[in-house]
C-alpha atoms as a PDB file:
ATOM      1  CA  UNK A   1       0.000   0.000   0.000  1.00  0.00           C
ATOM      2  CA  UNK A   2       1.285   3.447  -0.920  1.00  0.00           C
ATOM      3  CA  UNK A   3       1.959   5.897   1.871  1.00  0.00           C
ATOM      4  CA  UNK A   4      -0.442   8.770   2.323  1.00  0.00           C
ATOM      5  CA  UNK A   5       0.503  12.300   1.362  1.00  0.00           C
ATOM      6  CA  UNK A   6      -0.680  15.531   2.974  1.00  0.00           C
ATOM      7  CA  UNK A   7      -2.298  16.471  -0.361  1.00  0.00           C
ATOM      8  CA  UNK A   8      -4.546  13.371  -0.292  1.00  0.00           C
ATOM      9  CA  UNK A   9      -8.260  13.835   0.338  1.00  0.00           C
ATOM     10  CA  UNK A  10      -9.588  11.575   3.087  1.00  0.00           C
ATOM     11  CA  UNK A  11     -13.177  10.750   4.014  1.00  0.00           C
ATOM     12  CA  UNK A  12     -15.042   8.461   6.363  1.00  0.00           C
ATOM     13  CA  UNK A  13     -15.980   5.160   4.764  1.00  0.00           C
ATOM     14  CA  UNK A  14     -19.674   4.632   4.060  1.00  0.00           C
ATOM     15  CA  UNK A  15     -19.140   1.112   5.447  1.00  0.00           C
ATOM     16  CA  UNK A  16     -18.649   2.482   8.976  1.00  0.00           C
ATOM     17  CA  UNK A  17     -21.238   3.288  11.608  1.00  0.00           C
ATOM     18  CA  UNK A  18     -20.042   5.805  14.224  1.00  0.00           C
ATOM     19  CA  UNK A  19     -21.751   6.260  17.578  1.00  0.00           C
ATOM     20  CA  UNK A  20     -20.673   8.609  20.395  1.00  0.00           C
ATOM     21  CA  UNK A  21     -20.586   6.901  23.802  1.00  0.00           C
ATOM     22  CA  UNK A  22     -19.482   8.639  27.027  1.00  0.00           C
ATOM     23  CA  UNK A  23     -17.281  11.193  25.249  1.00  0.00           C
ATOM     24  CA  UNK A  24     -15.637   8.597  23.008  1.00  0.00           C
ATOM     25  CA  UNK A  25     -16.599   7.438  19.518  1.00  0.00           C
ATOM     26  CA  UNK A  26     -17.239   3.780  18.734  1.00  0.00           C
ATOM     27  CA  UNK A  27     -16.883   2.720  15.113  1.00  0.00           C
ATOM     28  CA  UNK A  28     -18.260  -0.482  13.628  1.00  0.00           C
ATOM     29  CA  UNK A  29     -17.199  -1.655  10.192  1.00  0.00           C
ATOM     30  CA  UNK A  30     -20.233  -3.285   8.553  1.00  0.00           C
ATOM     31  CA  UNK A  31     -18.401  -5.885   6.464  1.00  0.00           C
ATOM     32  CA  UNK A  32     -15.827  -7.035   9.018  1.00  0.00           C
ATOM     33  CA  UNK A  33     -18.072  -6.592  12.073  1.00  0.00           C
ATOM     34  CA  UNK A  34     -15.081  -5.170  13.963  1.00  0.00           C
ATOM     35  CA  UNK A  35     -15.427  -2.383  16.518  1.00  0.00           C
ATOM     36  CA  UNK A  36     -12.965   0.426  17.251  1.00  0.00           C
ATOM     37  CA  UNK A  37     -12.942   3.078  19.974  1.00  0.00           C
ATOM     38  CA  UNK A  38     -11.653   6.588  19.314  1.00  0.00           C
ATOM     39  CA  UNK A  39     -10.587   8.979  22.062  1.00  0.00           C
ATOM     40  CA  UNK A  40      -8.790  12.253  22.328  1.00  0.00           C
ATOM     41  CA  UNK A  41      -6.642  12.980  19.262  1.00  0.00           C
ATOM     42  CA  UNK A  42      -8.001  10.095  17.205  1.00  0.00           C
ATOM     43  CA  UNK A  43     -11.555  11.268  17.909  1.00  0.00           C
ATOM     44  CA  UNK A  44     -10.637  14.801  16.811  1.00  0.00           C
ATOM     45  CA  UNK A  45      -9.178  13.488  13.549  1.00  0.00           C
ATOM     46  CA  UNK A  46     -12.415  11.568  12.930  1.00  0.00           C
ATOM     47  CA  UNK A  47     -14.419  14.734  13.571  1.00  0.00           C
ATOM     48  CA  UNK A  48     -12.287  16.647  11.063  1.00  0.00           C
ATOM     49  CA  UNK A  49     -13.327  14.113   8.407  1.00  0.00           C
ATOM     50  CA  UNK A  50     -17.026  14.957   8.730  1.00  0.00           C
ATOM     51  CA  UNK A  51     -16.696  16.085   5.114  1.00  0.00           C
ATOM     52  CA  UNK A  52     -13.938  14.939   2.746  1.00  0.00           C
ATOM     53  CA  UNK A  53     -10.834  17.032   3.380  1.00  0.00           C
ATOM     54  CA  UNK A  54      -7.157  17.092   2.599  1.00  0.00           C
ATOM     55  CA  UNK A  55      -4.781  15.787   5.220  1.00  0.00           C
ATOM     56  CA  UNK A  56      -3.034  19.167   5.004  1.00  0.00           C
ATOM     57  CA  UNK A  57      -6.191  20.966   6.169  1.00  0.00           C
ATOM     58  CA  UNK A  58      -6.587  18.499   9.027  1.00  0.00           C
ATOM     59  CA  UNK A  59      -3.023  19.186  10.141  1.00  0.00           C
ATOM     60  CA  UNK A  60      -3.643  22.948   9.883  1.00  0.00           C
ATOM     61  CA  UNK A  61      -6.662  22.606  12.194  1.00  0.00           C
ATOM     62  CA  UNK A  62      -4.818  20.414  14.688  1.00  0.00           C
ATOM     63  CA  UNK A  63      -1.827  22.748  14.738  1.00  0.00           C
ATOM     64  CA  UNK A  64      -4.150  25.647  15.620  1.00  0.00           C
ATOM     65  CA  UNK A  65      -5.856  23.612  18.361  1.00  0.00           C
ATOM     66  CA  UNK A  66      -2.988  21.869  20.151  1.00  0.00           C
ATOM     67  CA  UNK A  67       0.316  22.996  21.524  1.00  0.00           C
ATOM     68  CA  UNK A  68       2.525  20.904  19.254  1.00  0.00           C
ATOM     69  CA  UNK A  69       4.678  21.775  16.254  1.00  0.00           C
ATOM     70  CA  UNK A  70       3.623  20.737  12.769  1.00  0.00           C
ATOM     71  CA  UNK A  71       6.732  18.535  12.515  1.00  0.00           C
ATOM     72  CA  UNK A  72       5.367  16.414  15.369  1.00  0.00           C
ATOM     73  CA  UNK A  73       1.713  16.435  14.296  1.00  0.00           C
ATOM     74  CA  UNK A  74       2.224  15.450  10.655  1.00  0.00           C
ATOM     75  CA  UNK A  75       3.862  12.014  11.094  1.00  0.00           C
ATOM     76  CA  UNK A  76       1.416  11.093  13.864  1.00  0.00           C
ATOM     77  CA  UNK A  77      -1.601  12.018  11.724  1.00  0.00           C
ATOM     78  CA  UNK A  78      -0.232  10.169   8.691  1.00  0.00           C
ATOM     79  CA  UNK A  79       0.469   7.048  10.759  1.00  0.00           C
ATOM     80  CA  UNK A  80      -3.020   7.077  12.289  1.00  0.00           C
ATOM     81  CA  UNK A  81      -4.702   7.592   8.900  1.00  0.00           C
ATOM     82  CA  UNK A  82      -2.587   4.785   7.397  1.00  0.00           C
ATOM     83  CA  UNK A  83      -3.943   2.486  10.124  1.00  0.00           C
ATOM     84  CA  UNK A  84      -7.514   3.627   9.477  1.00  0.00           C
ATOM     85  CA  UNK A  85      -7.074   3.061   5.740  1.00  0.00           C
ATOM     86  CA  UNK A  86      -5.667  -0.426   6.342  1.00  0.00           C
ATOM     87  CA  UNK A  87      -8.801  -1.256   8.389  1.00  0.00           C
ATOM     88  CA  UNK A  88     -11.008   0.282   5.648  1.00  0.00           C
ATOM     89  CA  UNK A  89     -12.447   2.902   8.011  1.00  0.00           C
ATOM     90  CA  UNK A  90     -11.612   5.727   5.605  1.00  0.00           C
ATOM     91  CA  UNK A  91     -11.302   6.261   1.874  1.00  0.00           C
ATOM     92  CA  UNK A  92      -8.579   8.220   0.105  1.00  0.00           C
ATOM     93  CA  UNK A  93      -8.558  10.178  -3.124  1.00  0.00           C
ATOM     94  CA  UNK A  94      -4.895  10.554  -4.032  1.00  0.00           C
ATOM     95  CA  UNK A  95      -3.875  13.804  -5.693  1.00  0.00           C
ATOM     96  CA  UNK A  96      -1.372  13.175  -8.462  1.00  0.00           C
END
């Protein structure tokens, strides 16, 4: 699988049901039947994908919200989104 780029557009998969529970978000993938819990930073990233958006815009928002440099945020966001893509929780439209 190719690595994600900050210019890629990411979106929530239509195969995922998301339900807030006690301040967290529980995701269920319809086809696999697997459940995932999102908290804190991962929950915020999910919220930023309410509409399809570039990873760059997500990083811009996170940088404005948290006290961390872009150089720290970017690899963490890319790693998390790679994991979500691997589990088919998101879709990606790669900009070429």
